[in-house]
Amino acid sequence: MLKQIDQASLQAAVDTAVKQMLVPGAVVLVCTPKGVNTVLSGTLQRGTQTPPATSTHYRIGSNTKTMTSATILLLAQEGKLKLSDPISAYVPDVPNGDKITIEQLLKMRSGLYNYTDAPELSATMDADPAKVWTPQEVLAIAFRHPPNAAPGTEYEYNNTNFVLLGLVAEKVGGGPLGKQFQERLYGPLGLGQTSLPAPEDNTIPAPGSHGYLYGGSAYAMTDEPYPADMQAAMRDGTLEPIDYTNQNPSYAAAAGGAISTAEDIATWIKSLATGKVFDADMQRQWLGSFQAEDPAAGASGQQYGYGIAYQQIAPNVGLHFHGGEMPGFNSFMGHDLANDVTMVIWTNLTLDPAGRTTANVLLPTVLNQVYAGLNLPTAPPPTPTPSPTS
């Protein structure tokens, strides 16, 4: 099933897609039993010729959720909390808090409103990029809105869940989340280039990438499509992306605030999938936690478990994975247990002109290079959108 990856073909395919999507720079790291393949494309900063590397720091966005969930599960493993506990036992004033369990938060089934959907959040982020957010501030935004569903009734990807889990981890674990990540995860696994910055820290360690997004934070936060005239302006170069490198990520924190490198993230996702983080009993729980995101798709569709997603790509190819999307960066990490394949993709442009998350667009291209006979459809280049005046 595994191919001997043709490095030149992989490089050319990624370079072509990156150029089509207007991505300044991208990194692809693939580790298989046949070897390690790396694609480094473009530049870390627009207007320069500084190539990225697997050691380049970038904002990993929602891949942070795998770390927050791992910390919660380690606390449960130690008997310090139960996944059946209601969130009201740890955080007051949560709507339906006595009916929402830790497990439902982990599996994106709380029914709470997702605070990153709120237009006031994006507006404030763009008006004051250096603003230091507290968990209480973003939860206040969420709780001003009625819940979207009754607890446990449906899946909805939701950052509010993981802000709450971060508060639980800090209360039960007895220390800041970043310190717990370091002591429980980064230190034991040798992730020396990974960190959850303090709330007031909006910098990226060197060597680090700049990160870009067209239009404004709302496009990354709410998946709002780009209007046709904006798409045309991106493609003809009259609209340039905004540099979001140093926007303060404290609004994301436990849901998406960490920084890492492709090398560290490859180690992290493989360690998580292969049982190097939990004991045997908790690893079985983690592997058995998945539920279909779409009930109509069932087991054949994408599933979400304890802070991790799963997709059966082919009969003998299944990926445990997560993605990260935030203003400036998009990323993907995945591990295939059956074939011992690890993949990391990151880019320094969140969305292409068609509104597609750029690392996810690259994924089928990479998968087709790794596995024989897969032949996944790759996203075609978007049709250039004519200007309304043309």
Protein backbone atom coordinates (compact mmCIF):
# COMPACT_ATOMS: atom_id res chain seq x y z
CA MET A 1 0.00 0.00 0.00
CA LEU A 2 2.84 2.39 0.81
CA LYS A 3 4.68 3.89 -2.12
CA GLN A 4 8.30 4.85 -2.31
CA ILE A 5 7.67 8.59 -2.37
CA ASP A 6 9.06 10.37 -5.39
CA GLN A 7 10.60 13.45 -3.78
CA ALA A 8 10.66 15.49 -6.98
CA SER A 9 7.02 14.68 -7.71
CA LEU A 10 5.94 15.54 -4.16
CA GLN A 11 7.88 18.81 -4.24
CA ALA A 12 6.41 19.79 -7.62
CA ALA A 13 2.85 18.96 -6.57
CA VAL A 14 3.10 21.00 -3.39
CA ASP A 15 4.84 23.91 -5.12
CA THR A 16 2.09 24.02 -7.75
CA ALA A 17 -0.72 23.99 -5.20
CA VAL A 18 0.99 26.60 -3.01
CA LYS A 19 1.37 28.93 -5.98
CA GLN A 20 -2.27 28.46 -7.02
CA MET A 21 -3.48 29.26 -3.52
CA LEU A 22 -1.21 32.35 -3.15
CA VAL A 23 0.41 30.78 -0.07
CA PRO A 24 3.71 32.51 0.81
CA GLY A 25 5.27 29.44 2.46
CA ALA A 26 4.53 25.84 3.40
CA VAL A 27 6.14 22.81 5.05
CA VAL A 28 5.21 19.16 4.48
CA LEU A 29 6.83 16.45 6.62
CA VAL A 30 6.03 12.78 5.92
CA CYS A 31 7.52 9.93 7.93
CA THR A 32 6.95 6.34 6.79
CA PRO A 33 8.79 3.04 7.28
CA LYS A 34 10.37 3.77 3.90
CA GLY A 35 11.94 7.04 5.08
CA VAL A 36 11.38 10.72 5.77
CA ASN A 37 10.34 13.17 3.06
CA THR A 38 10.27 16.92 3.49
CA VAL A 39 8.90 19.63 1.23
CA LEU A 40 9.89 23.22 1.95
CA SER A 41 8.10 25.69 -0.30
CA GLY A 42 8.17 29.45 -0.61
CA THR A 43 9.15 31.91 2.08
CA LEU A 44 8.55 32.70 5.75
CA GLN A 45 7.87 36.36 5.03
CA ARG A 46 6.38 38.04 2.00
CA GLY A 47 8.88 40.20 0.14
CA THR A 48 11.82 38.03 1.24
CA GLN A 49 13.37 34.78 0.08
CA THR A 50 13.64 33.09 3.49
CA PRO A 51 12.69 29.43 3.05
CA PRO A 52 10.83 27.60 5.81
CA ALA A 53 12.25 24.56 7.59
CA THR A 54 10.92 21.70 9.70
CA SER A 55 12.42 23.58 12.68
CA THR A 56 10.47 26.78 11.94
CA HIS A 57 8.07 27.85 14.69
CA TYR A 58 4.44 28.45 13.73
CA ARG A 59 1.13 28.84 15.51
CA ILE A 60 -0.52 25.41 15.57
CA GLY A 61 -4.05 26.66 16.29
CA SER A 62 -6.56 23.98 17.21
CA ASN A 63 -3.98 21.22 17.27
CA THR A 64 -3.60 22.62 20.80
CA LYS A 65 -6.90 20.90 21.61
CA THR A 66 -5.15 17.52 21.50
CA MET A 67 -2.85 18.77 24.25
CA THR A 68 -5.64 20.17 26.40
CA SER A 69 -7.62 16.94 26.06
CA ALA A 70 -4.52 14.85 26.85
CA THR A 71 -4.01 16.85 30.05
CA ILE A 72 -7.64 16.30 31.06
CA LEU A 73 -7.33 12.56 30.36
CA LEU A 74 -4.11 12.33 32.38
CA LEU A 75 -5.90 13.99 35.31
CA ALA A 76 -8.69 11.42 34.92
CA GLN A 77 -6.10 8.64 34.73
CA GLU A 78 -4.73 9.86 38.06
CA GLY A 79 -8.21 9.83 39.61
CA LYS A 80 -8.35 13.60 40.02
CA LEU A 81 -11.53 13.97 37.97
CA LYS A 82 -14.10 11.83 36.18
CA LEU A 83 -15.17 12.28 32.59
CA SER A 84 -18.76 11.94 33.81
CA ASP A 85 -18.38 14.99 36.07
CA PRO A 86 -20.57 17.97 35.16
CA ILE A 87 -18.73 21.14 34.19
CA SER A 88 -20.70 22.94 36.93
CA ALA A 89 -18.51 21.14 39.47
CA TYR A 90 -15.53 23.16 38.23
CA VAL A 91 -16.78 26.31 36.46
CA PRO A 92 -19.82 28.29 37.69
CA ASP A 93 -22.56 29.87 35.60
CA VAL A 94 -22.21 27.68 32.49
CA PRO A 95 -25.57 27.41 30.70
CA ASN A 96 -26.84 23.85 31.27
CA GLY A 97 -23.66 23.34 33.29
CA ASP A 98 -25.18 20.69 35.52
CA LYS A 99 -26.09 18.63 32.44
CA ILE A 100 -22.85 19.04 30.41
CA THR A 101 -20.15 16.51 31.24
CA ILE A 102 -16.39 16.71 30.78
CA GLU A 103 -16.76 13.93 28.21
CA GLN A 104 -19.28 15.92 26.19
CA LEU A 105 -16.90 18.88 26.15
CA LEU A 106 -14.08 16.64 24.91
CA LYS A 107 -16.28 15.22 22.15
CA MET A 108 -17.75 18.57 21.00
CA ARG A 109 -21.24 17.68 22.19
CA SER A 110 -21.99 20.35 24.79
CA GLY A 111 -24.50 22.31 22.70
CA LEU A 112 -22.97 25.60 23.88
CA TYR A 113 -22.55 28.61 21.60
CA ASN A 114 -19.12 28.84 19.97
CA TYR A 115 -17.61 32.18 21.00
CA THR A 116 -15.40 32.43 17.89
CA ASP A 117 -18.61 32.73 15.81
CA ALA A 118 -19.40 36.02 17.53
CA PRO A 119 -18.72 39.02 15.25
CA GLU A 120 -17.75 41.16 18.24
CA LEU A 121 -14.77 38.90 18.93
CA SER A 122 -13.28 39.30 15.45
CA ALA A 123 -14.01 43.02 15.43
CA THR A 124 -12.15 43.50 18.72
CA MET A 125 -9.25 41.31 17.61
CA ASP A 126 -8.72 43.44 14.51
CA ALA A 127 -9.22 46.76 16.31
CA ASP A 128 -6.82 45.80 19.11
CA PRO A 129 -4.52 42.97 17.91
CA ALA A 130 -2.38 43.10 21.08
CA LYS A 131 -5.35 42.72 23.45
CA VAL A 132 -4.78 40.15 26.20
CA TRP A 133 -7.88 38.00 26.56
CA THR A 134 -8.89 36.03 29.63
CA PRO A 135 -10.89 32.79 29.48
CA GLN A 136 -13.63 34.55 31.42
CA GLU A 137 -13.91 37.25 28.73
CA VAL A 138 -14.37 34.81 25.86
CA LEU A 139 -16.75 32.65 27.89
CA ALA A 140 -18.81 35.76 28.65
CA ILE A 141 -19.19 36.22 24.89
CA ALA A 142 -20.33 32.62 24.51
CA PHE A 143 -22.75 32.73 27.42
CA ARG A 144 -24.48 35.89 26.15
CA HIS A 145 -25.83 33.67 23.38
CA PRO A 146 -28.35 30.89 23.97
CA PRO A 147 -27.07 27.33 23.59
CA ASN A 148 -27.25 25.86 20.10
CA ALA A 149 -28.48 22.42 21.24
CA ALA A 150 -29.27 20.35 24.29
CA PRO A 151 -26.21 18.72 25.89
CA GLY A 152 -25.16 15.47 24.26
CA THR A 153 -27.60 15.62 21.36
CA GLU A 154 -25.36 16.60 18.46
CA TYR A 155 -21.80 17.28 17.36
CA GLU A 156 -20.64 20.85 16.76
CA TYR A 157 -17.00 21.85 16.60
CA ASN A 158 -16.78 24.44 19.32
CA ASN A 159 -13.92 26.39 20.90
CA THR A 160 -16.01 27.22 23.98
CA ASN A 161 -15.72 23.58 25.05
CA PHE A 162 -11.94 23.72 25.21
CA VAL A 163 -11.73 27.05 27.00
CA LEU A 164 -13.80 25.37 29.71
CA LEU A 165 -11.57 22.29 29.69
CA GLY A 166 -8.53 24.53 30.11
CA LEU A 167 -10.07 26.02 33.25
CA VAL A 168 -10.82 22.53 34.56
CA ALA A 169 -7.23 21.44 33.96
CA GLU A 170 -5.86 24.49 35.77
CA LYS A 171 -8.19 24.03 38.74
CA VAL A 172 -7.66 20.29 39.12
CA GLY A 173 -4.01 20.19 38.05
CA GLY A 174 -3.08 23.07 40.31
CA GLY A 175 -1.17 25.27 37.89
CA PRO A 176 -1.20 27.26 34.64
CA LEU A 177 -2.04 25.20 31.58
CA GLY A 178 1.26 26.03 29.87
CA LYS A 179 3.20 24.74 32.87
CA GLN A 180 1.15 21.54 32.92
CA PHE A 181 1.74 21.03 29.19
CA GLN A 182 5.47 21.38 29.79
CA GLU A 183 5.57 19.01 32.75
CA ARG A 184 3.12 16.40 31.48
CA LEU A 185 3.63 16.45 27.73
CA TYR A 186 6.46 18.52 26.27
CA GLY A 187 9.17 17.54 28.76
CA PRO A 188 8.52 13.78 28.84
CA LEU A 189 8.24 13.56 25.04
CA GLY A 190 11.21 15.83 24.28
CA LEU A 191 9.15 18.55 22.58
CA GLY A 192 11.74 21.22 23.19
CA GLN A 193 10.40 23.67 20.62
CA THR A 194 6.75 23.58 21.68
CA SER A 195 5.08 25.98 24.10
CA LEU A 196 1.82 27.52 25.21
CA PRO A 197 2.80 31.17 25.61
CA ALA A 198 1.76 33.25 28.59
CA PRO A 199 -1.35 35.32 27.81
CA GLU A 200 0.61 38.55 27.43
CA ASP A 201 3.14 37.01 25.01
CA ASN A 202 2.26 37.62 21.36
CA THR A 203 5.67 36.74 19.89
CA ILE A 204 6.84 33.65 18.00
CA PRO A 205 10.27 32.23 18.91
CA ALA A 206 13.03 32.39 16.32
CA PRO A 207 13.24 30.94 13.80
CA GLY A 208 9.58 31.72 13.23
CA SER A 209 7.23 32.26 10.34
CA HIS A 210 5.10 35.26 9.59
CA GLY A 211 1.43 34.44 9.13
CA TYR A 212 -1.07 35.98 6.72
CA LEU A 213 -4.81 36.25 6.12
CA TYR A 214 -6.79 38.21 3.57
CA GLY A 215 -9.57 40.50 4.70
CA GLY A 216 -9.81 40.22 8.48
CA SER A 217 -10.10 37.83 11.40
CA ALA A 218 -13.76 37.04 10.77
CA TYR A 219 -12.89 35.10 7.64
CA ALA A 220 -10.81 32.65 9.69
CA MET A 221 -13.14 32.58 12.68
CA THR A 222 -16.48 32.01 10.98
CA ASP A 223 -15.59 30.55 7.55
CA GLU A 224 -17.36 33.48 5.93
CA PRO A 225 -16.74 33.26 2.16
CA TYR A 226 -14.80 35.94 0.37
CA PRO A 227 -16.91 38.15 -1.92
CA ALA A 228 -16.18 37.88 -5.64
CA ASP A 229 -14.58 41.31 -5.86
CA MET A 230 -12.18 40.46 -3.01
CA GLN A 231 -11.20 37.19 -4.68
CA ALA A 232 -10.46 39.04 -7.90
CA ALA A 233 -8.38 41.65 -6.06
CA MET A 234 -6.33 38.92 -4.34
CA ARG A 235 -5.55 37.28 -7.65
CA ASP A 236 -4.61 40.44 -9.50
CA GLY A 237 -2.46 41.60 -6.58
CA THR A 238 -4.40 44.76 -5.74
CA LEU A 239 -5.40 43.30 -2.35
CA GLU A 240 -2.56 42.11 -0.15
CA PRO A 241 -2.96 39.82 2.87
CA ILE A 242 -2.69 41.20 6.39
CA ASP A 243 0.26 40.10 8.51
CA TYR A 244 -1.26 38.48 11.61
CA THR A 245 2.00 37.14 13.01
CA ASN A 246 1.84 39.02 16.30
CA GLN A 247 -1.89 39.13 16.90
CA ASN A 248 -2.22 38.05 20.51
CA PRO A 249 -3.46 34.42 20.58
CA SER A 250 -4.74 34.54 24.17
CA TYR A 251 -8.31 34.52 22.84
CA ALA A 252 -7.59 30.90 21.82
CA ALA A 253 -5.42 29.64 24.73
CA ALA A 254 -6.50 26.07 25.59
CA ALA A 255 -8.46 25.89 22.32
CA GLY A 256 -5.65 26.98 20.01
CA GLY A 257 -2.82 29.02 21.50
CA ALA A 258 0.26 26.78 21.25
CA ILE A 259 3.37 27.24 19.09
CA SER A 260 5.49 24.40 17.71
CA THR A 261 7.52 23.11 14.76
CA ALA A 262 6.82 20.41 12.19
CA GLU A 263 9.44 18.19 13.82
CA ASP A 264 7.89 18.46 17.29
CA ILE A 265 4.33 18.06 16.03
CA ALA A 266 5.27 14.89 14.15
CA THR A 267 6.65 13.48 17.40
CA TRP A 268 3.54 14.63 19.29
CA ILE A 269 0.84 13.12 17.06
CA LYS A 270 2.71 9.81 16.72
CA SER A 271 3.27 9.63 20.49
CA LEU A 272 -0.41 10.35 21.12
CA ALA A 273 -1.67 7.76 18.63
CA THR A 274 0.77 5.00 19.61
CA GLY A 275 0.18 5.08 23.36
CA LYS A 276 3.16 7.00 24.70
CA VAL A 277 1.02 9.59 26.51
CA PHE A 278 -1.54 7.51 28.46
CA ASP A 279 -1.50 4.21 30.29
CA ALA A 280 -2.99 1.17 28.52
CA ASP A 281 -6.49 1.57 29.95
CA MET A 282 -6.75 5.26 29.07
CA GLN A 283 -5.29 4.63 25.63
CA ARG A 284 -8.09 2.13 24.97
CA GLN A 285 -10.61 4.75 26.09
CA TRP A 286 -9.01 7.35 23.82
CA LEU A 287 -9.05 5.00 20.81
CA GLY A 288 -12.63 3.99 21.57
CA SER A 289 -14.03 7.48 22.07
CA PHE A 290 -15.06 8.25 18.49
CA GLN A 291 -18.57 9.15 17.36
CA ALA A 292 -19.70 10.09 13.86
CA GLU A 293 -19.82 13.83 13.39
CA ASP A 294 -22.67 13.36 10.91
CA PRO A 295 -25.04 10.57 12.01
CA ALA A 296 -26.12 10.05 8.40
CA ALA A 297 -22.55 9.24 7.38
CA GLY A 298 -22.01 6.82 10.25
CA ALA A 299 -18.67 5.08 10.65
CA SER A 300 -17.73 5.84 7.04
CA GLY A 301 -17.64 9.56 7.72
CA GLN A 302 -15.37 11.69 9.84
CA GLN A 303 -15.53 10.96 13.56
CA TYR A 304 -14.54 12.97 16.63
CA GLY A 305 -13.46 11.58 19.99
CA TYR A 306 -11.57 12.92 22.97
CA GLY A 307 -10.05 15.99 21.35
CA ILE A 308 -9.04 14.05 18.24
CA ALA A 309 -10.61 13.25 14.86
CA TYR A 310 -10.52 10.00 12.88
CA GLN A 311 -11.16 9.24 9.23
CA GLN A 312 -11.01 5.91 7.41
CA ILE A 313 -9.42 6.94 4.12
CA ALA A 314 -9.30 3.46 2.58
CA PRO A 315 -9.91 -0.10 3.87
CA ASN A 316 -6.43 -0.27 5.40
CA VAL A 317 -5.71 3.45 5.82
CA GLY A 318 -7.11 5.30 8.83
CA LEU A 319 -5.89 8.64 10.16
CA HIS A 320 -6.02 9.93 13.72
CA PHE A 321 -5.66 13.64 13.11
CA HIS A 322 -6.41 17.23 13.97
CA GLY A 323 -6.15 20.54 12.20
CA GLY A 324 -5.40 24.09 13.21
CA GLU A 325 -6.89 27.27 11.73
CA MET A 326 -6.32 30.78 13.02
CA PRO A 327 -5.52 34.17 11.53
CA GLY A 328 -2.16 33.76 9.82
CA PHE A 329 -1.72 29.97 9.82
CA ASN A 330 -3.31 26.69 8.81
CA SER A 331 -2.02 23.23 9.71
CA PHE A 332 -2.72 19.50 9.77
CA MET A 333 -1.20 16.63 11.73
CA GLY A 334 -2.09 12.96 11.40
CA HIS A 335 -0.88 9.45 12.13
CA ASP A 336 -1.88 6.20 10.43
CA LEU A 337 -1.46 3.42 12.99
CA ALA A 338 -1.81 0.53 10.56
CA ASN A 339 0.96 1.74 8.26
CA ASP A 340 3.09 3.76 10.71
CA VAL A 341 2.78 6.97 8.69
CA THR A 342 2.99 10.44 10.23
CA MET A 343 2.13 13.61 8.31
CA VAL A 344 2.45 17.27 9.20
CA ILE A 345 1.47 20.12 6.89
CA TRP A 346 1.53 23.80 7.72
CA THR A 347 1.15 27.00 5.74
CA ASN A 348 1.44 30.68 6.56
CA LEU A 349 -1.78 31.69 4.81
CA THR A 350 -5.01 30.68 6.53
CA LEU A 351 -7.35 30.69 3.54
CA ASP A 352 -6.87 30.84 -0.21
CA PRO A 353 -8.99 33.21 -2.34
CA ALA A 354 -11.69 30.54 -2.65
CA GLY A 355 -11.92 30.41 1.16
CA ARG A 356 -10.32 26.97 1.42
CA THR A 357 -8.15 26.11 4.42
CA THR A 358 -4.78 25.81 2.74
CA ALA A 359 -3.17 22.89 4.62
CA ASN A 360 -6.31 20.81 4.12
CA VAL A 361 -6.22 21.53 0.38
CA LEU A 362 -2.69 20.11 0.31
CA LEU A 363 -3.63 16.93 2.19
CA PRO A 364 -5.07 14.83 -0.69
CA THR A 365 -2.04 15.71 -2.82
CA VAL A 366 0.25 14.40 -0.07
CA LEU A 367 -1.84 11.28 0.58
CA ASN A 368 -1.75 10.32 -3.10
CA GLN A 369 2.05 10.52 -2.99
CA VAL A 370 2.23 8.29 0.10
CA TYR A 371 -0.26 5.51 -0.70
CA ALA A 372 -0.50 3.42 -3.86
CA GLY A 373 -3.91 3.22 -5.50
CA LEU A 374 -5.54 5.86 -3.32
CA ASN A 375 -6.26 8.37 -6.10
CA LEU A 376 -8.03 10.87 -3.90
CA PRO A 377 -9.49 13.81 -5.79
CA THR A 378 -7.30 16.84 -5.26
CA ALA A 379 -8.89 20.25 -5.07
CA PRO A 380 -8.73 21.90 -8.49
CA PRO A 381 -7.40 25.42 -8.70
CA PRO A 382 -10.27 27.85 -8.20
CA THR A 383 -11.59 29.52 -11.32
CA PRO A 384 -10.41 33.13 -11.34
CA THR A 385 -13.34 35.29 -10.30
CA PRO A 386 -13.99 38.20 -12.67
CA SER A 387 -14.24 41.65 -11.19
CA PRO A 388 -17.79 43.07 -11.20
CA THR A 389 -16.48 45.87 -13.42
CA SER A 390 -14.85 43.62 -16.01
